Amino acid sequence: MKLSVLLFFASFFSLFSYSQVMTRYDVPHAYSTAIPRWGFKNNTLLDATLSLNVGVEYRISKRYSVNLDVSYNPWNFDEKKFKHILVQPEFRIWLCEPFYGHFWGFHPTWSQFNVGGLRLGALKEHRYEGQLYGGGFSYGYQWYLSPRWNIEASIGLGYLYIDYDRYIFGECGDFEKTKNKHYIGPTRATVSFVYILK
């Protein structure tokens, strides 16, 4: 009887031990590859706007990493403008381990911009020049492709304070007014290729 009870409890606790998520930090001997420490990224969504962009991520512990994305667009497109510089750091909490699976993040945001002449709402007839800053929360996921490559997708929602001057769109367009705006909505979107360094 005592042996049966002992076997029951041993089986019961073994179920809980195997249900835990095991990572390379918990069982490093089971992995022949080193643990990723750095990730270098390119956001294809910004590539579609011909914006130069790069992201760098660094693992700081078993479940945390820090990320920095920078985007720059200096071009004119037949008087159309999407000029900007965007800086967006992010602190990430990973559900499994950095560079694999689900993560949540917090991202402060700053940008200086000069945009207009785009087929998008008021941007079609006006040019806006100013800056914005704020922050938000994001959710994302990284898929493993190979020991050196991942794909990452993320989306974020948050708040931005936008301070800008508005001009009539066109060459030497007249100044209309200075205004500010409180914005709540999407603040981040990425579909990125990630190169891993270990």
N, C-alpha and C. Protein backbone atom coordinates (compact mmCIF):
# COMPACT_ATOMS: atom_id res chain seq x y z
N MET A 1 0.82 -1.21 0.00
CA MET A 1 0.00 0.00 0.00
C MET A 1 0.86 1.26 0.00
N LYS A 2 1.86 1.28 0.89
CA LYS A 2 2.75 2.44 0.97
C LYS A 2 3.50 2.62 -0.34
N LEU A 3 3.91 1.50 -0.96
CA LEU A 3 4.62 1.57 -2.23
C LEU A 3 3.73 2.14 -3.33
N SER A 4 2.45 1.78 -3.34
CA SER A 4 1.50 2.29 -4.34
C SER A 4 1.31 3.80 -4.20
N VAL A 5 1.17 4.25 -2.94
CA VAL A 5 1.01 5.69 -2.68
C VAL A 5 2.24 6.45 -3.13
N LEU A 6 3.41 5.89 -2.83
CA LEU A 6 4.68 6.53 -3.19
C LEU A 6 4.82 6.63 -4.71
N LEU A 7 4.44 5.56 -5.42
CA LEU A 7 4.51 5.59 -6.88
C LEU A 7 3.53 6.59 -7.47
N PHE A 8 2.34 6.70 -6.86
CA PHE A 8 1.34 7.66 -7.33
C PHE A 8 1.87 9.09 -7.26
N PHE A 9 2.44 9.49 -6.09
CA PHE A 9 2.96 10.84 -5.93
C PHE A 9 4.16 11.09 -6.84
N ALA A 10 4.99 10.07 -7.03
CA ALA A 10 6.14 10.23 -7.93
C ALA A 10 5.67 10.49 -9.35
N SER A 11 4.65 9.77 -9.79
CA SER A 11 4.11 9.97 -11.13
C SER A 11 3.45 11.33 -11.27
N PHE A 12 2.71 11.75 -10.22
CA PHE A 12 2.02 13.02 -10.22
C PHE A 12 3.00 14.19 -10.38
N PHE A 13 4.06 14.20 -9.59
CA PHE A 13 5.03 15.29 -9.65
C PHE A 13 5.86 15.24 -10.93
N SER A 14 6.06 14.06 -11.48
CA SER A 14 6.80 13.97 -12.73
C SER A 14 6.03 14.62 -13.88
N LEU A 15 4.69 14.55 -13.83
CA LEU A 15 3.88 15.21 -14.86
C LEU A 15 4.10 16.71 -14.85
N PHE A 16 4.16 17.32 -13.65
CA PHE A 16 4.38 18.76 -13.55
C PHE A 16 5.78 19.14 -14.00
N SER A 17 6.75 18.30 -13.68
CA SER A 17 8.11 18.64 -14.06
C SER A 17 8.28 18.62 -15.58
N TYR A 18 7.60 17.71 -16.30
CA TYR A 18 7.73 17.65 -17.74
C TYR A 18 6.87 18.68 -18.44
N SER A 19 5.87 19.23 -17.73
CA SER A 19 5.00 20.23 -18.36
C SER A 19 5.64 21.60 -18.40
N GLN A 20 6.75 21.81 -17.70
CA GLN A 20 7.41 23.09 -17.70
C GLN A 20 8.09 23.33 -19.05
N VAL A 21 8.12 24.60 -19.47
CA VAL A 21 8.80 24.95 -20.71
C VAL A 21 10.30 24.95 -20.46
N MET A 22 11.01 24.10 -21.18
CA MET A 22 12.46 24.01 -21.03
C MET A 22 13.12 24.82 -22.14
N THR A 23 14.14 25.59 -21.78
CA THR A 23 14.85 26.40 -22.74
C THR A 23 16.33 26.02 -22.71
N ARG A 24 17.08 26.68 -23.58
CA ARG A 24 18.52 26.42 -23.63
C ARG A 24 19.22 26.84 -22.35
N TYR A 25 18.58 27.74 -21.57
CA TYR A 25 19.16 28.15 -20.30
C TYR A 25 18.98 27.06 -19.23
N ASP A 26 17.88 26.32 -19.34
CA ASP A 26 17.58 25.29 -18.34
C ASP A 26 18.34 23.99 -18.61
N VAL A 27 18.49 23.66 -19.87
CA VAL A 27 19.19 22.42 -20.23
C VAL A 27 20.21 22.70 -21.32
N PRO A 28 21.25 23.47 -21.02
CA PRO A 28 22.20 23.87 -22.06
C PRO A 28 22.93 22.69 -22.69
N HIS A 29 23.10 21.60 -21.96
CA HIS A 29 23.81 20.45 -22.51
C HIS A 29 23.06 19.78 -23.65
N ALA A 30 21.75 20.07 -23.78
CA ALA A 30 20.94 19.44 -24.83
C ALA A 30 21.06 20.17 -26.16
N TYR A 31 21.75 21.32 -26.18
CA TYR A 31 21.87 22.11 -27.40
C TYR A 31 23.33 22.19 -27.81
N SER A 32 23.59 21.96 -29.07
CA SER A 32 24.95 22.03 -29.56
C SER A 32 25.33 23.43 -30.01
N THR A 33 24.36 24.34 -30.16
CA THR A 33 24.64 25.69 -30.62
C THR A 33 24.66 26.66 -29.44
N ALA A 34 25.38 27.78 -29.63
CA ALA A 34 25.46 28.80 -28.59
C ALA A 34 24.14 29.57 -28.50
N ILE A 35 23.91 30.19 -27.36
CA ILE A 35 22.69 30.96 -27.14
C ILE A 35 22.81 32.30 -27.87
N PRO A 36 21.82 32.71 -28.67
CA PRO A 36 21.89 34.00 -29.37
C PRO A 36 22.01 35.17 -28.40
N ARG A 37 22.86 36.13 -28.76
CA ARG A 37 23.04 37.32 -27.93
C ARG A 37 22.65 38.59 -28.67
N TRP A 38 22.97 38.69 -29.97
CA TRP A 38 22.68 39.88 -30.77
C TRP A 38 21.77 39.52 -31.94
N GLY A 39 20.91 40.47 -32.34
CA GLY A 39 20.12 40.34 -33.55
C GLY A 39 20.16 41.65 -34.33
N PHE A 40 20.45 41.57 -35.63
CA PHE A 40 20.48 42.74 -36.50
C PHE A 40 19.36 42.60 -37.53
N LYS A 41 18.57 43.68 -37.70
CA LYS A 41 17.28 43.55 -38.39
C LYS A 41 17.09 44.56 -39.50
N ASN A 42 16.21 44.19 -40.43
CA ASN A 42 15.73 45.09 -41.46
C ASN A 42 14.22 44.91 -41.58
N ASN A 43 13.48 46.03 -41.45
CA ASN A 43 12.02 46.01 -41.48
C ASN A 43 11.54 46.18 -42.92
N THR A 44 10.95 45.14 -43.48
CA THR A 44 10.52 45.18 -44.87
C THR A 44 9.36 46.15 -45.11
N LEU A 45 8.58 46.46 -44.07
CA LEU A 45 7.49 47.43 -44.23
C LEU A 45 8.04 48.82 -44.50
N LEU A 46 9.15 49.17 -43.84
CA LEU A 46 9.80 50.45 -44.12
C LEU A 46 10.56 50.43 -45.43
N ASP A 47 11.08 49.26 -45.80
CA ASP A 47 11.71 49.14 -47.13
C ASP A 47 10.73 49.51 -48.23
N ALA A 48 9.46 49.19 -48.05
CA ALA A 48 8.44 49.46 -49.06
C ALA A 48 8.25 50.96 -49.28
N THR A 49 8.64 51.80 -48.29
CA THR A 49 8.56 53.25 -48.43
C THR A 49 9.91 53.84 -48.82
N LEU A 50 10.88 52.98 -49.17
CA LEU A 50 12.24 53.37 -49.54
C LEU A 50 12.95 54.08 -48.40
N SER A 51 12.59 53.72 -47.17
CA SER A 51 13.24 54.29 -45.98
C SER A 51 14.41 53.40 -45.56
N LEU A 52 15.54 54.03 -45.30
CA LEU A 52 16.69 53.30 -44.76
C LEU A 52 16.39 52.95 -43.31
N ASN A 53 16.59 51.70 -42.93
CA ASN A 53 16.26 51.32 -41.56
C ASN A 53 17.14 50.18 -41.09
N VAL A 54 17.38 50.17 -39.78
CA VAL A 54 18.15 49.09 -39.16
C VAL A 54 17.65 48.92 -37.73
N GLY A 55 17.69 47.69 -37.25
CA GLY A 55 17.33 47.40 -35.87
C GLY A 55 18.42 46.56 -35.24
N VAL A 56 18.65 46.79 -33.96
CA VAL A 56 19.64 46.02 -33.20
C VAL A 56 19.00 45.58 -31.90
N GLU A 57 19.11 44.28 -31.59
CA GLU A 57 18.56 43.74 -30.34
C GLU A 57 19.65 43.02 -29.56
N TYR A 58 19.62 43.18 -28.23
CA TYR A 58 20.63 42.56 -27.37
C TYR A 58 19.95 41.83 -26.22
N ARG A 59 20.28 40.57 -26.04
CA ARG A 59 19.73 39.78 -24.93
C ARG A 59 20.45 40.17 -23.64
N ILE A 60 19.67 40.53 -22.60
CA ILE A 60 20.28 40.93 -21.33
C ILE A 60 20.08 39.89 -20.23
N SER A 61 19.16 38.92 -20.43
CA SER A 61 18.96 37.85 -19.44
C SER A 61 18.15 36.73 -20.08
N LYS A 62 17.71 35.78 -19.27
CA LYS A 62 16.97 34.63 -19.76
C LYS A 62 15.68 35.01 -20.46
N ARG A 63 15.01 36.06 -20.01
CA ARG A 63 13.68 36.40 -20.52
C ARG A 63 13.58 37.83 -21.05
N TYR A 64 14.67 38.60 -20.98
CA TYR A 64 14.59 40.02 -21.33
C TYR A 64 15.60 40.39 -22.41
N SER A 65 15.21 41.36 -23.24
CA SER A 65 16.13 41.91 -24.22
C SER A 65 15.78 43.38 -24.45
N VAL A 66 16.72 44.11 -25.04
CA VAL A 66 16.49 45.50 -25.42
C VAL A 66 16.69 45.62 -26.93
N ASN A 67 15.87 46.44 -27.55
CA ASN A 67 15.87 46.58 -29.00
C ASN A 67 15.91 48.06 -29.37
N LEU A 68 16.57 48.40 -30.47
CA LEU A 68 16.59 49.77 -30.96
C LEU A 68 16.38 49.76 -32.47
N ASP A 69 15.33 50.44 -32.93
CA ASP A 69 15.04 50.59 -34.36
C ASP A 69 15.22 52.04 -34.76
N VAL A 70 15.89 52.25 -35.90
CA VAL A 70 16.11 53.59 -36.44
C VAL A 70 15.73 53.58 -37.92
N SER A 71 14.97 54.59 -38.34
CA SER A 71 14.56 54.71 -39.74
C SER A 71 14.84 56.13 -40.22
N TYR A 72 15.29 56.24 -41.49
CA TYR A 72 15.64 57.55 -42.05
C TYR A 72 15.22 57.58 -43.51
N ASN A 73 14.50 58.63 -43.90
CA ASN A 73 14.09 58.81 -45.29
C ASN A 73 14.38 60.25 -45.71
N PRO A 74 15.39 60.47 -46.58
CA PRO A 74 15.74 61.83 -47.00
C PRO A 74 15.21 62.19 -48.39
N TRP A 75 14.38 61.33 -49.00
CA TRP A 75 14.08 61.47 -50.43
C TRP A 75 12.86 62.35 -50.71
N ASN A 76 12.86 62.96 -51.91
CA ASN A 76 11.68 63.57 -52.51
C ASN A 76 11.24 62.71 -53.68
N PHE A 77 9.93 62.53 -53.84
CA PHE A 77 9.40 61.73 -54.94
C PHE A 77 8.46 62.60 -55.77
N ASP A 78 9.03 63.32 -56.76
CA ASP A 78 8.20 64.22 -57.59
C ASP A 78 7.33 65.12 -56.73
N GLU A 79 7.98 65.82 -55.82
CA GLU A 79 7.34 66.74 -54.87
C GLU A 79 6.64 66.03 -53.71
N LYS A 80 6.39 64.74 -53.84
CA LYS A 80 5.84 64.00 -52.71
C LYS A 80 6.93 63.80 -51.67
N LYS A 81 6.54 63.89 -50.41
CA LYS A 81 7.53 63.79 -49.34
C LYS A 81 7.10 62.76 -48.30
N PHE A 82 8.08 61.96 -47.89
CA PHE A 82 7.90 61.10 -46.72
C PHE A 82 9.19 61.15 -45.88
N LYS A 83 9.73 62.38 -45.80
CA LYS A 83 11.00 62.57 -45.10
C LYS A 83 10.79 62.41 -43.60
N HIS A 84 11.69 61.68 -42.97
CA HIS A 84 11.58 61.52 -41.52
C HIS A 84 12.86 60.90 -40.97
N ILE A 85 13.03 61.05 -39.68
CA ILE A 85 13.94 60.24 -38.90
C ILE A 85 13.15 59.74 -37.70
N LEU A 86 13.21 58.44 -37.46
CA LEU A 86 12.43 57.80 -36.41
C LEU A 86 13.36 56.98 -35.53
N VAL A 87 13.24 57.18 -34.22
CA VAL A 87 14.02 56.41 -33.25
C VAL A 87 13.04 55.75 -32.29
N GLN A 88 13.14 54.42 -32.16
CA GLN A 88 12.17 53.69 -31.34
C GLN A 88 12.89 52.57 -30.56
N PRO A 89 13.34 52.85 -29.34
CA PRO A 89 13.86 51.77 -28.49
C PRO A 89 12.72 50.93 -27.93
N GLU A 90 13.06 49.74 -27.45
CA GLU A 90 12.03 48.85 -26.91
C GLU A 90 12.63 47.91 -25.88
N PHE A 91 11.92 47.74 -24.78
CA PHE A 91 12.25 46.73 -23.77
C PHE A 91 11.31 45.55 -23.95
N ARG A 92 11.86 44.32 -24.04
CA ARG A 92 11.05 43.16 -24.36
C ARG A 92 11.09 42.10 -23.26
N ILE A 93 9.93 41.50 -23.05
CA ILE A 93 9.79 40.35 -22.15
C ILE A 93 9.37 39.16 -22.99
N TRP A 94 10.19 38.11 -23.00
CA TRP A 94 9.94 36.93 -23.82
C TRP A 94 9.27 35.85 -22.99
N LEU A 95 8.27 35.18 -23.58
CA LEU A 95 7.57 34.13 -22.87
C LEU A 95 8.39 32.86 -22.76
N CYS A 96 9.26 32.62 -23.74
CA CYS A 96 10.12 31.44 -23.70
C CYS A 96 11.57 31.87 -23.49
N GLU A 97 12.18 32.42 -24.53
CA GLU A 97 13.55 32.90 -24.45
C GLU A 97 13.76 33.92 -25.55
N PRO A 98 14.73 34.84 -25.41
CA PRO A 98 14.97 35.85 -26.44
C PRO A 98 15.28 35.23 -27.80
N PHE A 99 14.74 35.85 -28.82
CA PHE A 99 14.92 35.47 -30.22
C PHE A 99 14.14 34.22 -30.61
N TYR A 100 13.14 33.85 -29.82
CA TYR A 100 12.30 32.73 -30.21
C TYR A 100 10.93 32.84 -29.55
N GLY A 101 9.88 32.80 -30.38
CA GLY A 101 8.53 32.74 -29.85
C GLY A 101 7.91 34.09 -29.56
N HIS A 102 6.98 34.10 -28.59
CA HIS A 102 6.18 35.28 -28.25
C HIS A 102 6.95 36.25 -27.36
N PHE A 103 6.65 37.55 -27.54
CA PHE A 103 7.20 38.56 -26.63
C PHE A 103 6.23 39.73 -26.50
N TRP A 104 6.34 40.42 -25.36
CA TRP A 104 5.65 41.68 -25.12
C TRP A 104 6.69 42.77 -24.97
N GLY A 105 6.36 43.99 -25.39
CA GLY A 105 7.34 45.05 -25.32
C GLY A 105 6.74 46.39 -24.97
N PHE A 106 7.61 47.29 -24.52
CA PHE A 106 7.26 48.70 -24.30
C PHE A 106 8.22 49.55 -25.12
N HIS A 107 7.69 50.46 -25.95
CA HIS A 107 8.54 51.22 -26.87
C HIS A 107 8.27 52.73 -26.78
N PRO A 108 9.19 53.50 -26.20
CA PRO A 108 9.17 54.95 -26.38
C PRO A 108 9.42 55.27 -27.86
N THR A 109 8.91 56.41 -28.32
CA THR A 109 9.02 56.75 -29.74
C THR A 109 9.30 58.24 -29.90
N TRP A 110 10.22 58.56 -30.83
CA TRP A 110 10.46 59.95 -31.22
C TRP A 110 10.68 59.99 -32.73
N SER A 111 10.13 61.04 -33.36
CA SER A 111 10.33 61.21 -34.80
C SER A 111 10.26 62.68 -35.17
N GLN A 112 11.06 63.05 -36.15
CA GLN A 112 10.96 64.35 -36.81
C GLN A 112 10.57 64.08 -38.25
N PHE A 113 9.62 64.84 -38.80
CA PHE A 113 9.06 64.48 -40.09
C PHE A 113 8.76 65.70 -40.95
N ASN A 114 8.68 65.44 -42.26
CA ASN A 114 8.27 66.43 -43.26
C ASN A 114 7.57 65.63 -44.37
N VAL A 115 6.25 65.53 -44.29
CA VAL A 115 5.50 64.65 -45.19
C VAL A 115 4.36 65.42 -45.86
N GLY A 116 4.04 65.00 -47.09
CA GLY A 116 2.94 65.63 -47.81
C GLY A 116 2.85 65.14 -49.24
N GLY A 117 1.72 65.42 -49.86
CA GLY A 117 1.51 65.03 -51.25
C GLY A 117 1.23 63.56 -51.43
N LEU A 118 0.90 62.86 -50.37
CA LEU A 118 0.62 61.42 -50.44
C LEU A 118 -0.88 61.19 -50.54
N ARG A 119 -1.25 60.11 -51.19
CA ARG A 119 -2.68 59.80 -51.35
C ARG A 119 -3.19 59.13 -50.08
N LEU A 120 -3.24 59.92 -49.05
CA LEU A 120 -3.65 59.40 -47.75
C LEU A 120 -4.28 60.52 -46.94
N GLY A 121 -5.60 60.62 -47.02
CA GLY A 121 -6.33 61.62 -46.24
C GLY A 121 -5.87 63.04 -46.51
N ALA A 122 -5.60 63.79 -45.42
CA ALA A 122 -5.21 65.19 -45.53
C ALA A 122 -3.83 65.37 -46.12
N LEU A 123 -3.03 64.31 -46.18
CA LEU A 123 -1.68 64.42 -46.73
C LEU A 123 -1.69 64.69 -48.23
N LYS A 124 -2.82 64.51 -48.88
CA LYS A 124 -2.90 64.74 -50.32
C LYS A 124 -2.82 66.22 -50.66
N GLU A 125 -3.40 67.08 -49.82
CA GLU A 125 -3.47 68.50 -50.12
C GLU A 125 -2.63 69.36 -49.19
N HIS A 126 -1.99 68.75 -48.21
CA HIS A 126 -1.20 69.53 -47.25
C HIS A 126 0.15 68.86 -47.00
N ARG A 127 1.07 69.68 -46.51
CA ARG A 127 2.37 69.17 -46.06
C ARG A 127 2.50 69.47 -44.57
N TYR A 128 2.99 68.48 -43.82
CA TYR A 128 3.11 68.61 -42.38
C TYR A 128 4.58 68.47 -41.99
N GLU A 129 5.04 69.43 -41.21
CA GLU A 129 6.44 69.43 -40.77
C GLU A 129 6.48 69.63 -39.26
N GLY A 130 7.12 68.69 -38.54
CA GLY A 130 7.17 68.81 -37.09
C GLY A 130 7.83 67.61 -36.45
N GLN A 131 7.40 67.31 -35.23
CA GLN A 131 7.95 66.17 -34.53
C GLN A 131 6.86 65.53 -33.66
N LEU A 132 7.13 64.30 -33.27
CA LEU A 132 6.21 63.58 -32.40
C LEU A 132 7.00 62.78 -31.39
N TYR A 133 6.37 62.51 -30.26
CA TYR A 133 6.98 61.65 -29.25
C TYR A 133 5.88 61.04 -28.39
N GLY A 134 6.20 59.89 -27.82
CA GLY A 134 5.22 59.16 -27.02
C GLY A 134 5.73 57.76 -26.73
N GLY A 135 4.82 56.81 -26.71
CA GLY A 135 5.20 55.43 -26.41
C GLY A 135 4.01 54.50 -26.52
N GLY A 136 4.28 53.21 -26.40
CA GLY A 136 3.21 52.24 -26.49
C GLY A 136 3.67 50.85 -26.09
N PHE A 137 2.73 49.93 -26.16
CA PHE A 137 2.99 48.52 -25.84
C PHE A 137 2.82 47.69 -27.10
N SER A 138 3.64 46.66 -27.22
CA SER A 138 3.62 45.86 -28.43
C SER A 138 3.59 44.37 -28.12
N TYR A 139 3.14 43.63 -29.12
CA TYR A 139 3.19 42.17 -29.09
C TYR A 139 3.87 41.70 -30.36
N GLY A 140 4.70 40.66 -30.26
CA GLY A 140 5.37 40.15 -31.44
C GLY A 140 5.75 38.69 -31.32
N TYR A 141 6.29 38.18 -32.40
CA TYR A 141 6.68 36.76 -32.46
C TYR A 141 7.88 36.64 -33.40
N GLN A 142 8.83 35.79 -33.02
CA GLN A 142 9.95 35.48 -33.91
C GLN A 142 9.92 34.01 -34.30
N TRP A 143 10.08 33.76 -35.61
CA TRP A 143 10.15 32.40 -36.14
C TRP A 143 11.59 32.04 -36.48
N TYR A 144 11.99 30.85 -36.07
CA TYR A 144 13.32 30.34 -36.38
C TYR A 144 13.38 29.85 -37.82
N LEU A 145 14.36 30.33 -38.58
CA LEU A 145 14.58 29.85 -39.94
C LEU A 145 15.81 28.97 -40.05
N SER A 146 16.89 29.41 -39.40
CA SER A 146 18.15 28.69 -39.44
C SER A 146 18.98 29.18 -38.25
N PRO A 147 20.15 28.58 -38.00
CA PRO A 147 20.96 29.05 -36.86
C PRO A 147 21.32 30.54 -36.93
N ARG A 148 21.27 31.16 -38.11
CA ARG A 148 21.64 32.56 -38.25
C ARG A 148 20.49 33.49 -38.64
N TRP A 149 19.32 32.94 -38.99
CA TRP A 149 18.25 33.79 -39.51
C TRP A 149 16.91 33.51 -38.82
N ASN A 150 16.19 34.59 -38.49
CA ASN A 150 14.82 34.55 -37.99
C ASN A 150 13.96 35.51 -38.79
N ILE A 151 12.66 35.36 -38.67
CA ILE A 151 11.70 36.36 -39.14
C ILE A 151 10.91 36.85 -37.93
N GLU A 152 10.73 38.16 -37.84
CA GLU A 152 9.99 38.76 -36.73
C GLU A 152 8.81 39.58 -37.24
N ALA A 153 7.68 39.46 -36.56
CA ALA A 153 6.52 40.31 -36.83
C ALA A 153 6.03 40.88 -35.51
N SER A 154 5.68 42.16 -35.50
CA SER A 154 5.17 42.78 -34.27
C SER A 154 4.23 43.92 -34.62
N ILE A 155 3.38 44.24 -33.66
CA ILE A 155 2.47 45.38 -33.80
C ILE A 155 2.32 46.03 -32.44
N GLY A 156 2.19 47.36 -32.43
CA GLY A 156 2.09 48.08 -31.16
C GLY A 156 1.00 49.13 -31.17
N LEU A 157 0.45 49.40 -30.00
CA LEU A 157 -0.54 50.44 -29.81
C LEU A 157 -0.07 51.37 -28.70
N GLY A 158 -0.37 52.66 -28.84
CA GLY A 158 0.07 53.58 -27.80
C GLY A 158 -0.41 55.00 -28.04
N TYR A 159 0.32 55.94 -27.43
CA TYR A 159 -0.04 57.37 -27.46
C TYR A 159 1.12 58.16 -28.05
N LEU A 160 0.80 59.16 -28.89
CA LEU A 160 1.79 60.07 -29.45
C LEU A 160 1.29 61.51 -29.31
N TYR A 161 2.20 62.40 -28.93
CA TYR A 161 1.93 63.83 -28.98
C TYR A 161 2.61 64.38 -30.23
N ILE A 162 1.83 64.98 -31.13
CA ILE A 162 2.34 65.44 -32.42
C ILE A 162 2.25 66.96 -32.47
N ASP A 163 3.39 67.61 -32.71
CA ASP A 163 3.47 69.07 -32.80
C ASP A 163 3.96 69.41 -34.21
N TYR A 164 3.17 70.16 -34.99
CA TYR A 164 3.53 70.34 -36.39
C TYR A 164 3.06 71.69 -36.94
N ASP A 165 3.68 72.09 -38.06
CA ASP A 165 3.25 73.21 -38.89
C ASP A 165 2.59 72.64 -40.13
N ARG A 166 1.49 73.24 -40.55
CA ARG A 166 0.78 72.76 -41.74
C ARG A 166 0.91 73.78 -42.87
N TYR A 167 1.25 73.24 -44.08
CA TYR A 167 1.41 74.06 -45.26
C TYR A 167 0.50 73.54 -46.36
N ILE A 168 0.10 74.43 -47.29
CA ILE A 168 -0.56 73.97 -48.50
C ILE A 168 0.47 73.21 -49.33
N PHE A 169 0.10 72.04 -49.81
CA PHE A 169 1.06 71.23 -50.55
C PHE A 169 1.39 71.86 -51.90
N GLY A 170 2.65 71.79 -52.26
CA GLY A 170 3.12 72.31 -53.54
C GLY A 170 4.42 73.06 -53.33
N GLU A 171 5.07 73.38 -54.42
CA GLU A 171 6.34 74.11 -54.33
C GLU A 171 6.10 75.49 -53.73
N CYS A 172 6.85 75.77 -52.65
CA CYS A 172 6.68 77.03 -51.91
C CYS A 172 5.24 77.20 -51.40
N GLY A 173 4.65 76.10 -50.93
CA GLY A 173 3.28 76.17 -50.42
C GLY A 173 3.17 77.09 -49.21
N ASP A 174 2.07 77.82 -49.13
CA ASP A 174 1.88 78.80 -48.06
C ASP A 174 1.70 78.12 -46.70
N PHE A 175 2.25 78.76 -45.69
CA PHE A 175 2.05 78.31 -44.31
C PHE A 175 0.61 78.58 -43.90
N GLU A 176 -0.02 77.62 -43.23
CA GLU A 176 -1.39 77.79 -42.78
C GLU A 176 -1.47 77.99 -41.27
N LYS A 177 -0.92 77.06 -40.49
CA LYS A 177 -1.05 77.19 -39.04
C LYS A 177 -0.12 76.21 -38.34
N THR A 178 0.10 76.50 -37.06
CA THR A 178 0.82 75.59 -36.16
C THR A 178 -0.21 74.91 -35.27
N LYS A 179 -0.05 73.61 -35.11
CA LYS A 179 -1.06 72.85 -34.37
C LYS A 179 -0.40 71.70 -33.64
N ASN A 180 -1.11 71.14 -32.65
CA ASN A 180 -0.66 69.90 -32.01
C ASN A 180 -1.84 68.95 -31.92
N LYS A 181 -1.50 67.67 -31.74
CA LYS A 181 -2.53 66.64 -31.75
C LYS A 181 -2.16 65.54 -30.79
N HIS A 182 -3.17 65.01 -30.08
CA HIS A 182 -3.00 63.83 -29.23
C HIS A 182 -3.53 62.63 -29.99
N TYR A 183 -2.66 61.67 -30.22
CA TYR A 183 -3.01 60.51 -31.05
C TYR A 183 -2.97 59.24 -30.22
N ILE A 184 -4.00 58.41 -30.35
CA ILE A 184 -4.02 57.07 -29.75
C ILE A 184 -4.34 56.07 -30.86
N GLY A 185 -3.47 55.08 -31.02
CA GLY A 185 -3.66 54.11 -32.09
C GLY A 185 -2.40 53.32 -32.33
N PRO A 186 -2.24 52.73 -33.52
CA PRO A 186 -1.03 51.96 -33.83
C PRO A 186 0.21 52.85 -33.78
N THR A 187 1.25 52.37 -33.13
CA THR A 187 2.51 53.10 -33.01
C THR A 187 3.71 52.29 -33.47
N ARG A 188 3.47 51.05 -33.88
CA ARG A 188 4.59 50.20 -34.30
C ARG A 188 4.07 49.07 -35.18
N ALA A 189 4.83 48.75 -36.24
CA ALA A 189 4.51 47.60 -37.08
C ALA A 189 5.79 47.13 -37.76
N THR A 190 6.10 45.86 -37.65
CA THR A 190 7.32 45.32 -38.25
C THR A 190 7.05 43.95 -38.87
N VAL A 191 7.72 43.72 -39.99
CA VAL A 191 7.93 42.38 -40.53
C VAL A 191 9.39 42.37 -40.96
N SER A 192 10.23 41.77 -40.13
CA SER A 192 11.67 41.95 -40.27
C SER A 192 12.41 40.64 -40.45
N PHE A 193 13.50 40.72 -41.20
CA PHE A 193 14.48 39.67 -41.25
C PHE A 193 15.51 39.93 -40.15
N VAL A 194 15.88 38.91 -39.40
CA VAL A 194 16.78 39.06 -38.26
C VAL A 194 18.02 38.18 -38.49
N TYR A 195 19.20 38.81 -38.43
CA TYR A 195 20.45 38.06 -38.52
C TYR A 195 21.00 37.89 -37.10
N ILE A 196 21.27 36.65 -36.71
CA ILE A 196 21.63 36.32 -35.35
C ILE A 196 23.15 36.20 -35.19
N LEU A 197 23.67 36.81 -34.12
CA LEU A 197 25.05 36.59 -33.69
C LEU A 197 25.03 35.97 -32.31
N LYS A 198 25.93 35.01 -32.07
CA LYS A 198 25.92 34.26 -30.82
C LYS A 198 27.19 34.47 -30.02
